[in-house]
Amino acid sequence: MLTSSIPWDQAATMIDLEGRAPIIGTIRDCAMHYTLYKPHARTQARVLLTVPVHREGRATRTWVLDPDEIAQLADWLAAKQ
């Protein structure tokens, strides 16, 4: 699960595919901002990592988190608060 493999204080940048200004902060910041997005904006969101993560089923580690993975982080964060 991604929540256990990415430190919450790791630097990250949230971008969207429509070209809005990026959010530069930590994974925690990106997950918190993701929860504020409207549904359409959530489908366009991506998080660029500073340290790539391994994902099951992929041969190499990746630098980008997709919307479903950002949602996992946001859900986990909400459950912990």
Protein backbone atom coordinates (compact mmCIF):
# COMPACT_ATOMS: atom_id res chain seq x y z
CA MET A 1 0.00 0.00 0.00
CA LEU A 2 1.27 3.46 -0.90
CA THR A 3 0.61 4.99 2.50
CA SER A 4 3.30 2.84 4.06
CA SER A 5 5.92 3.40 1.37
CA ILE A 6 5.83 7.22 1.07
CA PRO A 7 6.87 9.43 3.99
CA TRP A 8 4.31 12.17 4.69
CA ASP A 9 7.03 14.81 4.85
CA GLN A 10 8.54 13.90 1.46
CA ALA A 11 8.64 16.87 -0.91
CA ALA A 12 6.17 16.61 -3.78
CA THR A 13 4.40 18.71 -6.40
CA MET A 14 0.74 18.38 -7.31
CA ILE A 15 -0.07 19.26 -10.90
CA ASP A 16 -3.14 18.95 -13.04
CA LEU A 17 -3.46 18.20 -16.71
CA GLU A 18 -5.24 21.50 -17.40
CA GLY A 19 -2.26 23.69 -16.56
CA ARG A 20 -3.29 25.32 -13.27
CA ALA A 21 -0.55 26.51 -10.92
CA PRO A 22 1.15 23.57 -9.16
CA ILE A 23 1.07 23.00 -5.42
CA ILE A 24 4.58 22.56 -4.08
CA GLY A 25 4.83 21.06 -0.61
CA THR A 26 4.81 17.65 1.04
CA ILE A 27 2.82 14.51 0.33
CA ARG A 28 0.57 15.51 3.24
CA ASP A 29 -0.04 18.96 1.67
CA CYS A 30 -0.89 17.39 -1.67
CA ALA A 31 -3.30 14.87 -0.10
CA MET A 32 -5.03 17.63 1.86
CA HIS A 33 -5.42 19.85 -1.21
CA TYR A 34 -6.72 16.90 -3.23
CA THR A 35 -9.70 16.61 -0.88
CA LEU A 36 -10.64 20.22 -1.68
CA TYR A 37 -10.76 19.65 -5.44
CA LYS A 38 -14.01 19.24 -7.32
CA PRO A 39 -14.55 15.81 -8.95
CA HIS A 40 -13.42 16.99 -12.40
CA ALA A 41 -10.22 18.48 -10.99
CA ARG A 42 -9.52 15.25 -9.07
CA THR A 43 -9.47 13.25 -12.31
CA GLN A 44 -6.87 15.68 -13.68
CA ALA A 45 -4.58 15.69 -10.61
CA ARG A 46 -1.16 14.07 -10.50
CA VAL A 47 1.57 14.16 -7.85
CA LEU A 48 5.22 14.31 -8.88
CA LEU A 49 7.43 12.64 -6.30
CA THR A 50 11.01 13.49 -5.36
CA VAL A 51 11.73 9.81 -4.66
CA PRO A 52 10.20 7.18 -6.96
CA VAL A 53 8.08 4.39 -5.47
CA HIS A 54 7.76 0.73 -6.38
CA ARG A 55 4.33 -0.48 -7.34
CA GLU A 56 3.23 -4.07 -7.64
CA GLY A 57 3.00 -5.23 -11.22
CA ARG A 58 5.49 -2.70 -12.59
CA ALA A 59 9.07 -3.46 -13.51
CA THR A 60 10.40 -0.04 -12.53
CA ARG A 61 9.69 2.50 -9.83
CA THR A 62 7.60 5.52 -10.82
CA TRP A 63 7.75 9.24 -10.12
CA VAL A 64 4.05 10.06 -10.65
CA LEU A 65 0.99 9.22 -8.55
CA ASP A 66 -2.34 8.93 -10.37
CA PRO A 67 -5.70 10.18 -9.03
CA ASP A 68 -6.71 6.83 -7.50
CA GLU A 69 -3.42 6.67 -5.60
CA ILE A 70 -3.75 10.26 -4.39
CA ALA A 71 -7.28 9.38 -3.22
CA GLN A 72 -5.86 6.46 -1.20
CA LEU A 73 -3.46 8.82 0.55
CA ALA A 74 -6.20 11.39 1.18
CA ASP A 75 -8.55 8.72 2.57
CA TRP A 76 -5.86 7.35 4.86
CA LEU A 77 -5.02 10.85 6.07
CA ALA A 78 -8.70 11.63 6.77
CA ALA A 79 -9.09 8.39 8.73
CA LYS A 80 -6.10 9.27 10.92
CA GLN A 81 -7.37 12.74 11.86
